[in-house]
Amino acid sequence: MAYLSIDMNCVLPEIAAAEHFWERMPSGAVTVLDDYGWNLHEQQKAAFDAFAAKRGVSVLSLPTGQGLIFKP
């Protein structure tokens, strides 16, 4: 099992990191997005929703404001 934690507070490097590591992560790995669900980070939410949809998955929004993406 592996996980990737992304917390850069800036959408472009966060998406770049996710794209860089996605193919390197094994099936079952989890990506933790720190600022996914907060109103101040709407750009991150939109970008990661698009990132996930492109890969046929979705982001699980947590009450902590974080998001989780599970790699199939």
PDB file of N, CA and C in Angstrom:
ATOM      1  N   MET A   1       0.847  -1.175   0.000  1.00  0.00           N
ATOM      2  CA  MET A   1       0.000   0.000   0.000  1.00  0.00           C
ATOM      3  C   MET A   1       0.887   1.230   0.000  1.00  0.00           C
ATOM      4  N   ALA A   2       0.413   2.265  -0.664  1.00  0.00           N
ATOM      5  CA  ALA A   2       1.149   3.529  -0.739  1.00  0.00           C
ATOM      6  C   ALA A   2       0.160   4.674  -0.636  1.00  0.00           C
ATOM      7  N   TYR A   3       0.672   5.843  -0.247  1.00  0.00           N
ATOM      8  CA  TYR A   3      -0.174   7.027  -0.270  1.00  0.00           C
ATOM      9  C   TYR A   3       0.654   8.232  -0.670  1.00  0.00           C
ATOM     10  N   LEU A   4      -0.021   9.211  -1.207  1.00  0.00           N
ATOM     11  CA  LEU A   4       0.580  10.474  -1.603  1.00  0.00           C
ATOM     12  C   LEU A   4      -0.205  11.567  -0.911  1.00  0.00           C
ATOM     13  N   SER A   5       0.471  12.448  -0.199  1.00  0.00           N
ATOM     14  CA  SER A   5      -0.175  13.564   0.467  1.00  0.00           C
ATOM     15  C   SER A   5       0.207  14.842  -0.274  1.00  0.00           C
ATOM     16  N   ILE A   6      -0.798  15.608  -0.694  1.00  0.00           N
ATOM     17  CA  ILE A   6      -0.552  16.840  -1.447  1.00  0.00           C
ATOM     18  C   ILE A   6      -1.098  18.021  -0.652  1.00  0.00           C
ATOM     19  N   ASP A   7      -0.196  18.962  -0.320  1.00  0.00           N
ATOM     20  CA  ASP A   7      -0.567  20.151   0.460  1.00  0.00           C
ATOM     21  C   ASP A   7       0.382  21.291   0.112  1.00  0.00           C
ATOM     22  N   MET A   8       0.236  21.842  -1.082  1.00  0.00           N
ATOM     23  CA  MET A   8       1.106  22.941  -1.513  1.00  0.00           C
ATOM     24  C   MET A   8       0.384  24.278  -1.559  1.00  0.00           C
ATOM     25  N   ASN A   9      -0.937  24.243  -1.356  1.00  0.00           N
ATOM     26  CA  ASN A   9      -1.745  25.463  -1.367  1.00  0.00           C
ATOM     27  C   ASN A   9      -1.669  26.247  -2.669  1.00  0.00           C
ATOM     28  N   CYS A  10      -1.391  25.555  -3.756  1.00  0.00           N
ATOM     29  CA  CYS A  10      -1.318  26.183  -5.073  1.00  0.00           C
ATOM     30  C   CYS A  10      -1.675  25.133  -6.124  1.00  0.00           C
ATOM     31  N   VAL A  11      -2.694  25.417  -6.921  1.00  0.00           N
ATOM     32  CA  VAL A  11      -3.280  24.396  -7.792  1.00  0.00           C
ATOM     33  C   VAL A  11      -2.313  23.844  -8.837  1.00  0.00           C
ATOM     34  N   LEU A  12      -1.516  24.663  -9.497  1.00  0.00           N
ATOM     35  CA  LEU A  12      -0.668  24.153 -10.583  1.00  0.00           C
ATOM     36  C   LEU A  12       0.363  23.131 -10.115  1.00  0.00           C
ATOM     37  N   PRO A  13       1.149  23.403  -9.066  1.00  0.00           N
ATOM     38  CA  PRO A  13       2.093  22.369  -8.637  1.00  0.00           C
ATOM     39  C   PRO A  13       1.412  21.153  -8.015  1.00  0.00           C
ATOM     40  N   GLU A  14       0.236  21.346  -7.422  1.00  0.00           N
ATOM     41  CA  GLU A  14      -0.476  20.196  -6.865  1.00  0.00           C
ATOM     42  C   GLU A  14      -0.906  19.242  -7.970  1.00  0.00           C
ATOM     43  N   ILE A  15      -1.475  19.768  -9.045  1.00  0.00           N
ATOM     44  CA  ILE A  15      -1.882  18.919 -10.165  1.00  0.00           C
ATOM     45  C   ILE A  15      -0.653  18.307 -10.831  1.00  0.00           C
ATOM     46  N   ALA A  16       0.416  19.071 -10.972  1.00  0.00           N
ATOM     47  CA  ALA A  16       1.644  18.533 -11.568  1.00  0.00           C
ATOM     48  C   ALA A  16       2.169  17.360 -10.742  1.00  0.00           C
ATOM     49  N   ALA A  17       2.133  17.472  -9.422  1.00  0.00           N
ATOM     50  CA  ALA A  17       2.587  16.383  -8.557  1.00  0.00           C
ATOM     51  C   ALA A  17       1.686  15.156  -8.714  1.00  0.00           C
ATOM     52  N   ALA A  18       0.383  15.376  -8.731  1.00  0.00           N
ATOM     53  CA  ALA A  18      -0.553  14.261  -8.890  1.00  0.00           C
ATOM     54  C   ALA A  18      -0.325  13.552 -10.226  1.00  0.00           C
ATOM     55  N   GLU A  19      -0.148  14.322 -11.289  1.00  0.00           N
ATOM     56  CA  GLU A  19       0.094  13.720 -12.606  1.00  0.00           C
ATOM     57  C   GLU A  19       1.421  12.963 -12.629  1.00  0.00           C
ATOM     58  N   HIS A  20       2.432  13.515 -11.997  1.00  0.00           N
ATOM     59  CA  HIS A  20       3.753  12.871 -11.964  1.00  0.00           C
ATOM     60  C   HIS A  20       3.705  11.525 -11.241  1.00  0.00           C
ATOM     61  N   PHE A  21       3.022  11.482 -10.112  1.00  0.00           N
ATOM     62  CA  PHE A  21       3.054  10.279  -9.279  1.00  0.00           C
ATOM     63  C   PHE A  21       1.968   9.252  -9.603  1.00  0.00           C
ATOM     64  N   TRP A  22       0.893   9.652 -10.274  1.00  0.00           N
ATOM     65  CA  TRP A  22      -0.245   8.749 -10.475  1.00  0.00           C
ATOM     66  C   TRP A  22       0.165   7.417 -11.079  1.00  0.00           C
ATOM     67  N   GLU A  23       0.895   7.432 -12.170  1.00  0.00           N
ATOM     68  CA  GLU A  23       1.286   6.181 -12.838  1.00  0.00           C
ATOM     69  C   GLU A  23       2.296   5.378 -12.021  1.00  0.00           C
ATOM     70  N   ARG A  24       2.981   6.019 -11.122  1.00  0.00           N
ATOM     71  CA  ARG A  24       3.975   5.341 -10.289  1.00  0.00           C
ATOM     72  C   ARG A  24       3.352   4.683  -9.051  1.00  0.00           C
ATOM     73  N   MET A  25       2.116   5.038  -8.756  1.00  0.00           N
ATOM     74  CA  MET A  25       1.443   4.520  -7.572  1.00  0.00           C
ATOM     75  C   MET A  25       0.772   3.192  -7.895  1.00  0.00           C
ATOM     76  N   PRO A  26       0.835   2.234  -6.975  1.00  0.00           N
ATOM     77  CA  PRO A  26       0.212   0.930  -7.220  1.00  0.00           C
ATOM     78  C   PRO A  26      -1.307   0.996  -7.040  1.00  0.00           C
ATOM     79  N   SER A  27      -1.968   0.006  -7.556  1.00  0.00           N
ATOM     80  CA  SER A  27      -3.409  -0.121  -7.359  1.00  0.00           C
ATOM     81  C   SER A  27      -3.699  -0.186  -5.857  1.00  0.00           C
ATOM     82  N   GLY A  28      -4.706   0.547  -5.426  1.00  0.00           N
ATOM     83  CA  GLY A  28      -5.058   0.588  -4.007  1.00  0.00           C
ATOM     84  C   GLY A  28      -4.442   1.757  -3.271  1.00  0.00           C
ATOM     85  N   ALA A  29      -3.527   2.476  -3.917  1.00  0.00           N
ATOM     86  CA  ALA A  29      -2.890   3.629  -3.281  1.00  0.00           C
ATOM     87  C   ALA A  29      -3.912   4.753  -3.094  1.00  0.00           C
ATOM     88  N   VAL A  30      -3.641   5.608  -2.128  1.00  0.00           N
ATOM     89  CA  VAL A  30      -4.537   6.713  -1.798  1.00  0.00           C
ATOM     90  C   VAL A  30      -3.784   8.031  -1.952  1.00  0.00           C
ATOM     91  N   THR A  31      -4.435   9.002  -2.576  1.00  0.00           N
ATOM     92  CA  THR A  31      -3.912  10.366  -2.619  1.00  0.00           C
ATOM     93  C   THR A  31      -4.744  11.199  -1.669  1.00  0.00           C
ATOM     94  N   VAL A  32      -4.075  11.893  -0.740  1.00  0.00           N
ATOM     95  CA  VAL A  32      -4.739  12.748   0.238  1.00  0.00           C
ATOM     96  C   VAL A  32      -4.559  14.195  -0.207  1.00  0.00           C
ATOM     97  N   LEU A  33      -5.671  14.875  -0.393  1.00  0.00           N
ATOM     98  CA  LEU A  33      -5.661  16.281  -0.799  1.00  0.00           C
ATOM     99  C   LEU A  33      -6.039  17.125   0.413  1.00  0.00           C
ATOM    100  N   ASP A  34      -5.130  17.964   0.867  1.00  0.00           N
ATOM    101  CA  ASP A  34      -5.359  18.686   2.114  1.00  0.00           C
ATOM    102  C   ASP A  34      -6.446  19.756   2.003  1.00  0.00           C
ATOM    103  N   ASP A  35      -6.462  20.532   0.935  1.00  0.00           N
ATOM    104  CA  ASP A  35      -7.348  21.700   0.866  1.00  0.00           C
ATOM    105  C   ASP A  35      -8.526  21.512  -0.084  1.00  0.00           C
ATOM    106  N   TYR A  36      -8.924  20.311  -0.320  1.00  0.00           N
ATOM    107  CA  TYR A  36      -9.934  20.013  -1.338  1.00  0.00           C
ATOM    108  C   TYR A  36     -11.304  20.642  -1.059  1.00  0.00           C
ATOM    109  N   GLY A  37     -11.782  20.570   0.151  1.00  0.00           N
ATOM    110  CA  GLY A  37     -13.169  20.925   0.417  1.00  0.00           C
ATOM    111  C   GLY A  37     -13.436  22.306   0.981  1.00  0.00           C
ATOM    112  N   TRP A  38     -12.442  23.149   1.075  1.00  0.00           N
ATOM    113  CA  TRP A  38     -12.660  24.472   1.664  1.00  0.00           C
ATOM    114  C   TRP A  38     -13.005  25.502   0.594  1.00  0.00           C
ATOM    115  N   ASN A  39     -13.868  26.442   0.916  1.00  0.00           N
ATOM    116  CA  ASN A  39     -14.295  27.470  -0.034  1.00  0.00           C
ATOM    117  C   ASN A  39     -13.129  28.288  -0.589  1.00  0.00           C
ATOM    118  N   LEU A  40     -12.108  28.497   0.200  1.00  0.00           N
ATOM    119  CA  LEU A  40     -10.952  29.276  -0.262  1.00  0.00           C
ATOM    120  C   LEU A  40     -10.124  28.550  -1.308  1.00  0.00           C
ATOM    121  N   HIS A  41     -10.394  27.261  -1.511  1.00  0.00           N
ATOM    122  CA  HIS A  41      -9.594  26.452  -2.427  1.00  0.00           C
ATOM    123  C   HIS A  41     -10.467  25.845  -3.525  1.00  0.00           C
ATOM    124  N   GLU A  42     -11.369  26.647  -4.071  1.00  0.00           N
ATOM    125  CA  GLU A  42     -12.269  26.165  -5.120  1.00  0.00           C
ATOM    126  C   GLU A  42     -11.506  25.739  -6.374  1.00  0.00           C
ATOM    127  N   GLN A  43     -10.376  26.397  -6.667  1.00  0.00           N
ATOM    128  CA  GLN A  43      -9.582  26.025  -7.841  1.00  0.00           C
ATOM    129  C   GLN A  43      -9.010  24.621  -7.682  1.00  0.00           C
ATOM    130  N   GLN A  44      -8.525  24.287  -6.479  1.00  0.00           N
ATOM    131  CA  GLN A  44      -8.015  22.933  -6.244  1.00  0.00           C
ATOM    132  C   GLN A  44      -9.124  21.905  -6.421  1.00  0.00           C
ATOM    133  N   LYS A  45     -10.300  22.193  -5.883  1.00  0.00           N
ATOM    134  CA  LYS A  45     -11.409  21.245  -6.000  1.00  0.00           C
ATOM    135  C   LYS A  45     -11.754  21.001  -7.465  1.00  0.00           C
ATOM    136  N   ALA A  46     -11.909  22.065  -8.226  1.00  0.00           N
ATOM    137  CA  ALA A  46     -12.262  21.927  -9.645  1.00  0.00           C
ATOM    138  C   ALA A  46     -11.179  21.172 -10.402  1.00  0.00           C
ATOM    139  N   ALA A  47      -9.926  21.484 -10.132  1.00  0.00           N
ATOM    140  CA  ALA A  47      -8.820  20.834 -10.839  1.00  0.00           C
ATOM    141  C   ALA A  47      -8.732  19.356 -10.483  1.00  0.00           C
ATOM    142  N   PHE A  48      -8.904  19.018  -9.213  1.00  0.00           N
ATOM    143  CA  PHE A  48      -8.819  17.611  -8.820  1.00  0.00           C
ATOM    144  C   PHE A  48     -10.068  16.826  -9.220  1.00  0.00           C
ATOM    145  N   ASP A  49     -11.203  17.476  -9.293  1.00  0.00           N
ATOM    146  CA  ASP A  49     -12.387  16.796  -9.828  1.00  0.00           C
ATOM    147  C   ASP A  49     -12.137  16.420 -11.289  1.00  0.00           C
ATOM    148  N   ALA A  50     -11.540  17.336 -12.061  1.00  0.00           N
ATOM    149  CA  ALA A  50     -11.222  17.056 -13.467  1.00  0.00           C
ATOM    150  C   ALA A  50     -10.133  15.986 -13.573  1.00  0.00           C
ATOM    151  N   PHE A  51      -9.119  16.069 -12.720  1.00  0.00           N
ATOM    152  CA  PHE A  51      -8.038  15.071 -12.694  1.00  0.00           C
ATOM    153  C   PHE A  51      -8.623  13.679 -12.458  1.00  0.00           C
ATOM    154  N   ALA A  52      -9.494  13.562 -11.472  1.00  0.00           N
ATOM    155  CA  ALA A  52     -10.085  12.274 -11.127  1.00  0.00           C
ATOM    156  C   ALA A  52     -10.995  11.770 -12.250  1.00  0.00           C
ATOM    157  N   ALA A  53     -11.834  12.642 -12.781  1.00  0.00           N
ATOM    158  CA  ALA A  53     -12.762  12.237 -13.842  1.00  0.00           C
ATOM    159  C   ALA A  53     -12.003  11.720 -15.063  1.00  0.00           C
ATOM    160  N   LYS A  54     -10.891  12.343 -15.379  1.00  0.00           N
ATOM    161  CA  LYS A  54     -10.069  11.910 -16.517  1.00  0.00           C
ATOM    162  C   LYS A  54      -9.562  10.485 -16.325  1.00  0.00           C
ATOM    163  N   ARG A  55      -9.458  10.051 -15.075  1.00  0.00           N
ATOM    164  CA  ARG A  55      -8.944   8.724 -14.753  1.00  0.00           C
ATOM    165  C   ARG A  55     -10.052   7.751 -14.345  1.00  0.00           C
ATOM    166  N   GLY A  56     -11.289   8.181 -14.487  1.00  0.00           N
ATOM    167  CA  GLY A  56     -12.415   7.309 -14.201  1.00  0.00           C
ATOM    168  C   GLY A  56     -12.668   7.062 -12.727  1.00  0.00           C
ATOM    169  N   VAL A  57     -12.224   7.971 -11.878  1.00  0.00           N
ATOM    170  CA  VAL A  57     -12.443   7.853 -10.439  1.00  0.00           C
ATOM    171  C   VAL A  57     -13.070   9.156  -9.946  1.00  0.00           C
ATOM    172  N   SER A  58     -13.364   9.222  -8.663  1.00  0.00           N
ATOM    173  CA  SER A  58     -13.885  10.457  -8.085  1.00  0.00           C
ATOM    174  C   SER A  58     -13.136  10.760  -6.800  1.00  0.00           C
ATOM    175  N   VAL A  59     -13.342  11.960  -6.313  1.00  0.00           N
ATOM    176  CA  VAL A  59     -12.708  12.397  -5.068  1.00  0.00           C
ATOM    177  C   VAL A  59     -13.717  12.243  -3.945  1.00  0.00           C
ATOM    178  N   LEU A  60     -13.315  11.585  -2.869  1.00  0.00           N
ATOM    179  CA  LEU A  60     -14.146  11.465  -1.684  1.00  0.00           C
ATOM    180  C   LEU A  60     -13.884  12.689  -0.810  1.00  0.00           C
ATOM    181  N   SER A  61     -14.911  13.500  -0.610  1.00  0.00           N
ATOM    182  CA  SER A  61     -14.788  14.706   0.207  1.00  0.00           C
ATOM    183  C   SER A  61     -15.025  14.353   1.672  1.00  0.00           C
ATOM    184  N   LEU A  62     -14.088  14.742   2.520  1.00  0.00           N
ATOM    185  CA  LEU A  62     -14.194  14.461   3.953  1.00  0.00           C
ATOM    186  C   LEU A  62     -14.653  15.705   4.713  1.00  0.00           C
ATOM    187  N   PRO A  63     -15.277  15.563   5.878  1.00  0.00           N
ATOM    188  CA  PRO A  63     -15.714  16.713   6.655  1.00  0.00           C
ATOM    189  C   PRO A  63     -14.546  17.566   7.172  1.00  0.00           C
ATOM    190  N   THR A  64     -13.350  17.061   7.086  1.00  0.00           N
ATOM    191  CA  THR A  64     -12.161  17.817   7.508  1.00  0.00           C
ATOM    192  C   THR A  64     -11.702  18.802   6.448  1.00  0.00           C
ATOM    193  N   GLY A  65     -12.339  18.786   5.268  1.00  0.00           N
ATOM    194  CA  GLY A  65     -11.910  19.629   4.157  1.00  0.00           C
ATOM    195  C   GLY A  65     -10.952  18.908   3.230  1.00  0.00           C
ATOM    196  N   GLN A  66     -10.510  17.745   3.619  1.00  0.00           N
ATOM    197  CA  GLN A  66      -9.611  16.965   2.794  1.00  0.00           C
ATOM    198  C   GLN A  66     -10.395  16.171   1.750  1.00  0.00           C
ATOM    199  N   GLY A  67      -9.670  15.706   0.756  1.00  0.00           N
ATOM    200  CA  GLY A  67     -10.238  14.821  -0.253  1.00  0.00           C
ATOM    201  C   GLY A  67      -9.362  13.597  -0.410  1.00  0.00           C
ATOM    202  N   LEU A  68      -9.962  12.488  -0.781  1.00  0.00           N
ATOM    203  CA  LEU A  68      -9.226  11.243  -0.995  1.00  0.00           C
ATOM    204  C   LEU A  68      -9.497  10.731  -2.405  1.00  0.00           C
ATOM    205  N   ILE A  69      -8.444  10.302  -3.067  1.00  0.00           N
ATOM    206  CA  ILE A  69      -8.584   9.641  -4.365  1.00  0.00           C
ATOM    207  C   ILE A  69      -7.955   8.255  -4.227  1.00  0.00           C
ATOM    208  N   PHE A  70      -8.739   7.234  -4.496  1.00  0.00           N
ATOM    209  CA  PHE A  70      -8.250   5.858  -4.443  1.00  0.00           C
ATOM    210  C   PHE A  70      -7.925   5.403  -5.857  1.00  0.00           C
ATOM    211  N   LYS A  71      -6.720   4.898  -6.060  1.00  0.00           N
ATOM    212  CA  LYS A  71      -6.344   4.402  -7.384  1.00  0.00           C
ATOM    213  C   LYS A  71      -6.835   2.969  -7.533  1.00  0.00           C
ATOM    214  N   PRO A  72      -7.615   2.726  -8.597  1.00  0.00           N
ATOM    215  CA  PRO A  72      -8.127   1.363  -8.789  1.00  0.00           C
ATOM    216  C   PRO A  72      -7.029   0.373  -9.174  1.00  0.00           C
TER     217      PRO A  72
END
